[in-house]
PDB file of N, CA and C in Angstrom:
ATOM      1  N   GLN A   1      38.018-127.290 -81.265  1.00  0.00           N
ATOM      2  CA  GLN A   1      37.317-128.385 -80.655  1.00  0.00           C
ATOM      3  C   GLN A   1      35.818-128.111 -80.579  1.00  0.00           C
ATOM      4  N   THR A   2      35.480-126.891 -80.187  1.00  0.00           N
ATOM      5  CA  THR A   2      34.051-126.597 -80.080  1.00  0.00           C
ATOM      6  C   THR A   2      33.471-126.141 -81.403  1.00  0.00           C
ATOM      7  N   GLY A   3      34.345-125.702 -82.296  1.00  0.00           N
ATOM      8  CA  GLY A   3      33.873-125.210 -83.579  1.00  0.00           C
ATOM      9  C   GLY A   3      33.373-123.775 -83.499  1.00  0.00           C
ATOM     10  N   ASN A   4      33.457-123.154 -82.354  1.00  0.00           N
ATOM     11  CA  ASN A   4      33.001-121.783 -82.178  1.00  0.00           C
ATOM     12  C   ASN A   4      34.189-120.842 -82.352  1.00  0.00           C
ATOM     13  N   TYR A   5      34.330-120.303 -83.574  1.00  0.00           N
ATOM     14  CA  TYR A   5      35.412-119.371 -83.860  1.00  0.00           C
ATOM     15  C   TYR A   5      34.903-117.944 -83.918  1.00  0.00           C
ATOM     16  N   ASN A   6      33.675-117.767 -83.610  1.00  0.00           N
ATOM     17  CA  ASN A   6      33.059-116.455 -83.648  1.00  0.00           C
ATOM     18  C   ASN A   6      33.188-115.811 -82.260  1.00  0.00           C
ATOM     19  N   VAL A   7      34.367-115.230 -82.006  1.00  0.00           N
ATOM     20  CA  VAL A   7      34.651-114.619 -80.714  1.00  0.00           C
ATOM     21  C   VAL A   7      34.693-113.108 -80.912  1.00  0.00           C
ATOM     22  N   SER A   8      34.135-112.385 -79.976  1.00  0.00           N
ATOM     23  CA  SER A   8      34.078-110.934 -80.129  1.00  0.00           C
ATOM     24  C   SER A   8      35.475-110.325 -80.050  1.00  0.00           C
ATOM     25  N   THR A   9      35.622-109.172 -80.636  1.00  0.00           N
ATOM     26  CA  THR A   9      36.898-108.460 -80.636  1.00  0.00           C
ATOM     27  C   THR A   9      37.287-108.084 -79.206  1.00  0.00           C
ATOM     28  N   ARG A  10      36.320-107.743 -78.403  1.00  0.00           N
ATOM     29  CA  ARG A  10      36.579-107.377 -77.015  1.00  0.00           C
ATOM     30  C   ARG A  10      37.224-108.550 -76.261  1.00  0.00           C
ATOM     31  N   THR A  11      36.731-109.755 -76.468  1.00  0.00           N
ATOM     32  CA  THR A  11      37.287-110.936 -75.816  1.00  0.00           C
ATOM     33  C   THR A  11      38.706-111.211 -76.314  1.00  0.00           C
ATOM     34  N   LYS A  12      38.927-111.041 -77.613  1.00  0.00           N
ATOM     35  CA  LYS A  12      40.263-111.241 -78.180  1.00  0.00           C
ATOM     36  C   LYS A  12      41.247-110.238 -77.592  1.00  0.00           C
ATOM     37  N   VAL A  13      40.826-108.989 -77.504  1.00  0.00           N
ATOM     38  CA  VAL A  13      41.700-107.942 -76.944  1.00  0.00           C
ATOM     39  C   VAL A  13      42.021-108.265 -75.486  1.00  0.00           C
ATOM     40  N   TRP A  14      41.015-108.700 -74.740  1.00  0.00           N
ATOM     41  CA  TRP A  14      41.237-109.052 -73.330  1.00  0.00           C
ATOM     42  C   TRP A  14      42.271-110.164 -73.203  1.00  0.00           C
ATOM     43  N   HIS A  15      42.130-111.218 -73.954  1.00  0.00           N
ATOM     44  CA  HIS A  15      43.061-112.344 -73.861  1.00  0.00           C
ATOM     45  C   HIS A  15      44.467-111.950 -74.295  1.00  0.00           C
ATOM     46  N   ARG A  16      44.563-111.152 -75.337  1.00  0.00           N
ATOM     47  CA  ARG A  16      45.895-110.704 -75.777  1.00  0.00           C
ATOM     48  C   ARG A  16      46.531-109.773 -74.750  1.00  0.00           C
ATOM     49  N   THR A  17      45.728-108.955 -74.103  1.00  0.00           N
ATOM     50  CA  THR A  17      46.247-108.051 -73.067  1.00  0.00           C
ATOM     51  C   THR A  17      46.773-108.852 -71.881  1.00  0.00           C
ATOM     52  N   VAL A  18      46.012-109.836 -71.452  1.00  0.00           N
ATOM     53  CA  VAL A  18      46.446-110.680 -70.334  1.00  0.00           C
ATOM     54  C   VAL A  18      47.732-111.414 -70.700  1.00  0.00           C
ATOM     55  N   GLY A  19      47.819-111.930 -71.898  1.00  0.00           N
ATOM     56  CA  GLY A  19      49.032-112.613 -72.349  1.00  0.00           C
ATOM     57  C   GLY A  19      50.226-111.680 -72.394  1.00  0.00           C
ATOM     58  N   ALA A  20      50.017-110.465 -72.905  1.00  0.00           N
ATOM     59  CA  ALA A  20      51.112-109.490 -72.984  1.00  0.00           C
ATOM     60  C   ALA A  20      51.572-109.069 -71.594  1.00  0.00           C
ATOM     61  N   LEU A  21      50.639-108.884 -70.678  1.00  0.00           N
ATOM     62  CA  LEU A  21      51.009-108.516 -69.309  1.00  0.00           C
ATOM     63  C   LEU A  21      51.766-109.643 -68.619  1.00  0.00           C
ATOM     64  N   GLY A  22      51.367-110.875 -68.864  1.00  0.00           N
ATOM     65  CA  GLY A  22      52.084-112.017 -68.294  1.00  0.00           C
ATOM     66  C   GLY A  22      53.508-112.101 -68.815  1.00  0.00           C
ATOM     67  N   LEU A  23      53.665-111.891 -70.107  1.00  0.00           N
ATOM     68  CA  LEU A  23      55.003-111.890 -70.702  1.00  0.00           C
ATOM     69  C   LEU A  23      55.839-110.751 -70.134  1.00  0.00           C
ATOM     70  N   SER A  24      55.241-109.575 -70.012  1.00  0.00           N
ATOM     71  CA  SER A  24      55.953-108.426 -69.455  1.00  0.00           C
ATOM     72  C   SER A  24      56.419-108.705 -68.034  1.00  0.00           C
ATOM     73  N   LEU A  25      55.568-109.341 -67.254  1.00  0.00           N
ATOM     74  CA  LEU A  25      55.931-109.672 -65.876  1.00  0.00           C
ATOM     75  C   LEU A  25      57.101-110.652 -65.837  1.00  0.00           C
ATOM     76  N   ARG A  26      57.069-111.671 -66.679  1.00  0.00           N
ATOM     77  CA  ARG A  26      58.179-112.641 -66.714  1.00  0.00           C
ATOM     78  C   ARG A  26      59.486-111.961 -67.099  1.00  0.00           C
ATOM     79  N   VAL A  27      59.440-111.072 -68.080  1.00  0.00           N
ATOM     80  CA  VAL A  27      60.655-110.362 -68.505  1.00  0.00           C
ATOM     81  C   VAL A  27      61.162-109.466 -67.378  1.00  0.00           C
ATOM     82  N   ALA A  28      60.257-108.734 -66.723  1.00  0.00           N
ATOM     83  CA  ALA A  28      60.661-107.849 -65.635  1.00  0.00           C
ATOM     84  C   ALA A  28      61.277-108.632 -64.480  1.00  0.00           C
ATOM     85  N   GLU A  29      60.723-109.808 -64.174  1.00  0.00           N
ATOM     86  CA  GLU A  29      61.291-110.624 -63.105  1.00  0.00           C
ATOM     87  C   GLU A  29      62.685-111.113 -63.451  1.00  0.00           C
ATOM     88  N   ARG A  30      62.887-111.519 -64.686  1.00  0.00           N
ATOM     89  CA  ARG A  30      64.227-111.976 -65.092  1.00  0.00           C
ATOM     90  C   ARG A  30      65.235-110.842 -65.044  1.00  0.00           C
ATOM     91  N   VAL A  31      64.856-109.686 -65.550  1.00  0.00           N
ATOM     92  CA  VAL A  31      65.759-108.522 -65.522  1.00  0.00           C
ATOM     93  C   VAL A  31      66.055-108.144 -64.078  1.00  0.00           C
ATOM     94  N   GLY A  32      65.041-108.140 -63.228  1.00  0.00           N
ATOM     95  CA  GLY A  32      65.233-107.817 -61.821  1.00  0.00           C
ATOM     96  C   GLY A  32      66.149-108.797 -61.123  1.00  0.00           C
ATOM     97  N   GLU A  33      66.005-110.070 -61.432  1.00  0.00           N
ATOM     98  CA  GLU A  33      66.869-111.074 -60.821  1.00  0.00           C
ATOM     99  C   GLU A  33      68.317-110.878 -61.237  1.00  0.00           C
ATOM    100  N   VAL A  34      68.542-110.594 -62.516  1.00  0.00           N
ATOM    101  CA  VAL A  34      69.902-110.359 -63.000  1.00  0.00           C
ATOM    102  C   VAL A  34      70.499-109.141 -62.297  1.00  0.00           C
ATOM    103  N   LEU A  35      69.734-108.066 -62.199  1.00  0.00           N
ATOM    104  CA  LEU A  35      70.237-106.859 -61.531  1.00  0.00           C
ATOM    105  C   LEU A  35      70.512-107.121 -60.054  1.00  0.00           C
ATOM    106  N   ALA A  36      69.653-107.877 -59.392  1.00  0.00           N
ATOM    107  CA  ALA A  36      69.862-108.187 -57.976  1.00  0.00           C
ATOM    108  C   ALA A  36      71.118-109.042 -57.794  1.00  0.00           C
ATOM    109  N   ASN A  37      71.357-109.967 -58.692  1.00  0.00           N
ATOM    110  CA  ASN A  37      72.567-110.787 -58.605  1.00  0.00           C
ATOM    111  C   ASN A  37      73.809-109.951 -58.835  1.00  0.00           C
ATOM    112  N   ILE A  38      73.751-109.043 -59.801  1.00  0.00           N
ATOM    113  CA  ILE A  38      74.909-108.203 -60.113  1.00  0.00           C
ATOM    114  C   ILE A  38      75.234-107.287 -58.938  1.00  0.00           C
ATOM    115  N   THR A  39      74.221-106.697 -58.331  1.00  0.00           N
ATOM    116  CA  THR A  39      74.450-105.758 -57.229  1.00  0.00           C
ATOM    117  C   THR A  39      74.684-106.454 -55.896  1.00  0.00           C
ATOM    118  N   GLY A  40      74.483-107.762 -55.828  1.00  0.00           N
ATOM    119  CA  GLY A  40      74.742-108.506 -54.605  1.00  0.00           C
ATOM    120  C   GLY A  40      73.564-108.554 -53.653  1.00  0.00           C
ATOM    121  N   LEU A  41      72.404-108.153 -54.086  1.00  0.00           N
ATOM    122  CA  LEU A  41      71.235-108.152 -53.205  1.00  0.00           C
ATOM    123  C   LEU A  41      70.753-109.559 -52.878  1.00  0.00           C
ATOM    124  N   ASN A  42      71.094-110.533 -53.682  1.00  0.00           N
ATOM    125  CA  ASN A  42      70.669-111.916 -53.442  1.00  0.00           C
ATOM    126  C   ASN A  42      71.677-112.701 -52.624  1.00  0.00           C
ATOM    127  N   SER A  43      72.801-112.092 -52.289  1.00  0.00           N
ATOM    128  CA  SER A  43      73.824-112.837 -51.549  1.00  0.00           C
ATOM    129  C   SER A  43      73.644-112.642 -50.052  1.00  0.00           C
ATOM    130  N   ASN A  44      74.278-113.513 -49.304  1.00  0.00           N
ATOM    131  CA  ASN A  44      74.234-113.463 -47.853  1.00  0.00           C
ATOM    132  C   ASN A  44      74.881-112.175 -47.366  1.00  0.00           C
ATOM    133  N   ARG A  45      74.367-111.647 -46.283  1.00  0.00           N
ATOM    134  CA  ARG A  45      74.860-110.384 -45.741  1.00  0.00           C
ATOM    135  C   ARG A  45      76.324-110.480 -45.325  1.00  0.00           C
ATOM    136  N   PHE A  46      76.749-111.632 -44.839  1.00  0.00           N
ATOM    137  CA  PHE A  46      78.113-111.803 -44.353  1.00  0.00           C
ATOM    138  C   PHE A  46      78.937-112.704 -45.266  1.00  0.00           C
ATOM    139  N   ASN A  47      78.557-112.793 -46.517  1.00  0.00           N
ATOM    140  CA  ASN A  47      79.228-113.669 -47.463  1.00  0.00           C
ATOM    141  C   ASN A  47      80.715-113.347 -47.593  1.00  0.00           C
ATOM    142  N   TYR A  48      81.052-112.065 -47.559  1.00  0.00           N
ATOM    143  CA  TYR A  48      82.451-111.666 -47.714  1.00  0.00           C
ATOM    144  C   TYR A  48      83.298-112.163 -46.542  1.00  0.00           C
ATOM    145  N   ILE A  49      82.683-112.392 -45.391  1.00  0.00           N
ATOM    146  CA  ILE A  49      83.415-112.904 -44.232  1.00  0.00           C
ATOM    147  C   ILE A  49      83.505-114.427 -44.288  1.00  0.00           C
ATOM    148  N   THR A  50      82.381-115.068 -44.490  1.00  0.00           N
ATOM    149  CA  THR A  50      82.359-116.532 -44.441  1.00  0.00           C
ATOM    150  C   THR A  50      83.121-117.162 -45.598  1.00  0.00           C
ATOM    151  N   ASP A  51      83.271-116.454 -46.697  1.00  0.00           N
ATOM    152  CA  ASP A  51      84.035-117.002 -47.821  1.00  0.00           C
ATOM    153  C   ASP A  51      85.509-117.187 -47.474  1.00  0.00           C
ATOM    154  N   HIS A  52      86.009-116.422 -46.513  1.00  0.00           N
ATOM    155  CA  HIS A  52      87.436-116.451 -46.205  1.00  0.00           C
ATOM    156  C   HIS A  52      87.735-117.057 -44.835  1.00  0.00           C
ATOM    157  N   MET A  53      86.758-117.723 -44.227  1.00  0.00           N
ATOM    158  CA  MET A  53      86.984-118.348 -42.920  1.00  0.00           C
ATOM    159  C   MET A  53      87.703-119.685 -43.078  1.00  0.00           C
ATOM    160  N   THR A  54      88.621-119.946 -42.145  1.00  0.00           N
ATOM    161  CA  THR A  54      89.316-121.236 -42.143  1.00  0.00           C
ATOM    162  C   THR A  54      88.442-122.266 -41.446  1.00  0.00           C
ATOM    163  N   GLU A  55      88.838-123.524 -41.526  1.00  0.00           N
ATOM    164  CA  GLU A  55      88.081-124.598 -40.888  1.00  0.00           C
ATOM    165  C   GLU A  55      88.061-124.425 -39.368  1.00  0.00           C
ATOM    166  N   GLU A  56      89.171-123.940 -38.797  1.00  0.00           N
ATOM    167  CA  GLU A  56      89.227-123.700 -37.348  1.00  0.00           C
ATOM    168  C   GLU A  56      88.254-122.597 -36.949  1.00  0.00           C
ATOM    169  N   GLU A  57      88.170-121.553 -37.749  1.00  0.00           N
ATOM    170  CA  GLU A  57      87.237-120.466 -37.454  1.00  0.00           C
ATOM    171  C   GLU A  57      85.794-120.948 -37.550  1.00  0.00           C
ATOM    172  N   TRP A  58      85.519-121.812 -38.534  1.00  0.00           N
ATOM    173  CA  TRP A  58      84.170-122.382 -38.648  1.00  0.00           C
ATOM    174  C   TRP A  58      83.838-123.217 -37.417  1.00  0.00           C
ATOM    175  N   ALA A  59      84.800-124.017 -36.958  1.00  0.00           N
ATOM    176  CA  ALA A  59      84.569-124.854 -35.784  1.00  0.00           C
ATOM    177  C   ALA A  59      84.289-123.988 -34.559  1.00  0.00           C
ATOM    178  N   ALA A  60      85.062-122.917 -34.383  1.00  0.00           N
ATOM    179  CA  ALA A  60      84.841-122.007 -33.246  1.00  0.00           C
ATOM    180  C   ALA A  60      83.469-121.346 -33.356  1.00  0.00           C
ATOM    181  N   ALA A  61      83.076-120.961 -34.544  1.00  0.00           N
ATOM    182  CA  ALA A  61      81.770-120.322 -34.744  1.00  0.00           C
ATOM    183  C   ALA A  61      80.639-121.305 -34.433  1.00  0.00           C
ATOM    184  N   ARG A  62      80.796-122.549 -34.849  1.00  0.00           N
ATOM    185  CA  ARG A  62      79.777-123.564 -34.546  1.00  0.00           C
ATOM    186  C   ARG A  62      79.664-123.792 -33.038  1.00  0.00           C
ATOM    187  N   ARG A  63      80.832-123.828 -32.352  1.00  0.00           N
ATOM    188  CA  ARG A  63      80.835-124.001 -30.904  1.00  0.00           C
ATOM    189  C   ARG A  63      80.103-122.852 -30.214  1.00  0.00           C
ATOM    190  N   ARG A  64      80.410-121.616 -30.620  1.00  0.00           N
ATOM    191  CA  ARG A  64      79.747-120.449 -30.018  1.00  0.00           C
ATOM    192  C   ARG A  64      78.252-120.476 -30.287  1.00  0.00           C
ATOM    193  N   ALA A  65      77.866-120.870 -31.485  1.00  0.00           N
ATOM    194  CA  ALA A  65      76.441-120.929 -31.824  1.00  0.00           C
ATOM    195  C   ALA A  65      75.729-121.979 -30.975  1.00  0.00           C
ATOM    196  N   GLU A  66      76.374-123.128 -30.767  1.00  0.00           N
ATOM    197  CA  GLU A  66      75.770-124.182 -29.946  1.00  0.00           C
ATOM    198  C   GLU A  66      75.658-123.727 -28.490  1.00  0.00           C
ATOM    199  N   GLU A  67      76.695-123.058 -27.978  1.00  0.00           N
ATOM    200  CA  GLU A  67      76.639-122.540 -26.609  1.00  0.00           C
ATOM    201  C   GLU A  67      75.510-121.531 -26.457  1.00  0.00           C
ATOM    202  N   ALA A  68      75.362-120.647 -27.421  1.00  0.00           N
ATOM    203  CA  ALA A  68      74.298-119.651 -27.366  1.00  0.00           C
ATOM    204  C   ALA A  68      72.927-120.317 -27.418  1.00  0.00           C
ATOM    205  N   ARG A  69      72.798-121.351 -28.244  1.00  0.00           N
ATOM    206  CA  ARG A  69      71.531-122.079 -28.338  1.00  0.00           C
ATOM    207  C   ARG A  69      71.184-122.731 -27.010  1.00  0.00           C
ATOM    208  N   LEU A  70      72.177-123.346 -26.359  1.00  0.00           N
ATOM    209  CA  LEU A  70      71.939-123.991 -25.065  1.00  0.00           C
ATOM    210  C   LEU A  70      71.562-122.966 -23.995  1.00  0.00           C
ATOM    211  N   LYS A  71      72.216-121.802 -24.009  1.00  0.00           N
ATOM    212  CA  LYS A  71      71.878-120.757 -23.043  1.00  0.00           C
ATOM    213  C   LYS A  71      70.438-120.293 -23.230  1.00  0.00           C
ATOM    214  N   ARG A  72      70.031-120.121 -24.480  1.00  0.00           N
ATOM    215  CA  ARG A  72      68.647-119.706 -24.738  1.00  0.00           C
ATOM    216  C   ARG A  72      67.664-120.762 -24.261  1.00  0.00           C
ATOM    217  N   LYS A  73      68.009-122.029 -24.488  1.00  0.00           N
ATOM    218  CA  LYS A  73      67.136-123.125 -24.062  1.00  0.00           C
ATOM    219  C   LYS A  73      67.014-123.149 -22.538  1.00  0.00           C
ATOM    220  N   GLU A  74      68.146-122.999 -21.824  1.00  0.00           N
ATOM    221  CA  GLU A  74      68.130-122.981 -20.359  1.00  0.00           C
ATOM    222  C   GLU A  74      67.294-121.804 -19.849  1.00  0.00           C
ATOM    223  N   LYS A  75      67.441-120.671 -20.477  1.00  0.00           N
ATOM    224  CA  LYS A  75      66.685-119.487 -20.059  1.00  0.00           C
ATOM    225  C   LYS A  75      65.186-119.719 -20.237  1.00  0.00           C
ATOM    226  N   ARG A  76      64.789-120.321 -21.361  1.00  0.00           N
ATOM    227  CA  ARG A  76      63.369-120.624 -21.581  1.00  0.00           C
ATOM    228  C   ARG A  76      62.847-121.592 -20.519  1.00  0.00           C
ATOM    229  N   GLU A  77      63.660-122.593 -20.193  1.00  0.00           N
ATOM    230  CA  GLU A  77      63.239-123.571 -19.189  1.00  0.00           C
ATOM    231  C   GLU A  77      63.109-122.924 -17.814  1.00  0.00           C
ATOM    232  N   ARG A  78      64.062-122.053 -17.424  1.00  0.00           N
ATOM    233  CA  ARG A  78      63.967-121.352 -16.141  1.00  0.00           C
ATOM    234  C   ARG A  78      62.725-120.475 -16.098  1.00  0.00           C
ATOM    235  N   LYS A  79      62.444-119.826 -17.213  1.00  0.00           N
ATOM    236  CA  LYS A  79      61.266-118.969 -17.300  1.00  0.00           C
ATOM    237  C   LYS A  79      59.992-119.796 -17.138  1.00  0.00           C
ATOM    238  N   LYS A  80      59.986-120.966 -17.774  1.00  0.00           N
ATOM    239  CA  LYS A  80      58.824-121.850 -17.702  1.00  0.00           C
ATOM    240  C   LYS A  80      58.603-122.331 -16.273  1.00  0.00           C
ATOM    241  N   VAL A  81      59.690-122.716 -15.577  1.00  0.00           N
ATOM    242  CA  VAL A  81      59.592-123.174 -14.197  1.00  0.00           C
ATOM    243  C   VAL A  81      59.094-122.051 -13.301  1.00  0.00           C
ATOM    244  N   ALA A  82      59.626-120.850 -13.494  1.00  0.00           N
ATOM    245  CA  ALA A  82      59.197-119.702 -12.688  1.00  0.00           C
ATOM    246  C   ALA A  82      57.722-119.404 -12.931  1.00  0.00           C
ATOM    247  N   LYS A  83      57.288-119.522 -14.139  1.00  0.00           N
ATOM    248  CA  LYS A  83      55.883-119.274 -14.464  1.00  0.00           C
ATOM    249  C   LYS A  83      54.982-120.320 -13.815  1.00  0.00           C
ATOM    250  N   GLU A  84      55.425-121.580 -13.817  1.00  0.00           N
ATOM    251  CA  GLU A  84      54.656-122.648 -13.193  1.00  0.00           C
ATOM    252  C   GLU A  84      54.557-122.456 -11.685  1.00  0.00           C
ATOM    253  N   LYS A  85      55.612-121.938 -11.047  1.00  0.00           N
ATOM    254  CA  LYS A  85      55.591-121.677  -9.614  1.00  0.00           C
ATOM    255  C   LYS A  85      54.525-120.634  -9.267  1.00  0.00           C
ATOM    256  N   HIS A  86      54.408-119.615 -10.094  1.00  0.00           N
ATOM    257  CA  HIS A  86      53.463-118.535  -9.830  1.00  0.00           C
ATOM    258  C   HIS A  86      52.019-118.941 -10.114  1.00  0.00           C
ATOM    259  N   THR A  87      51.823-119.937 -10.951  1.00  0.00           N
ATOM    260  CA  THR A  87      50.458-120.338 -11.303  1.00  0.00           C
ATOM    261  C   THR A  87      49.894-121.367 -10.333  1.00  0.00           C
ATOM    262  N   ILE A  88      50.753-121.982  -9.535  1.00  0.00           N
ATOM    263  CA  ILE A  88      50.282-123.031  -8.608  1.00  0.00           C
ATOM    264  C   ILE A  88      49.698-122.422  -7.378  1.00  0.00           C
TER     265      ILE A  88
END
């Protein structure tokens, strides 16, 4: 487009080096991802448990999680009220 094909060898080497490093990085990431998948590093920590849970067990787990969430919320609110009492 510019008609300027007179580029120094140093610039050509730089661009080819950057391109080669980019390609190397892409290959290393793909190989790393495959190895992580094979070894299980990309899977959930408790996948072996949750894969075999029944619907009843899931329902009980959801109930416990909701109860724990509500307890944490109540505790935060009590803490907030206590803090407001001390600041007044």
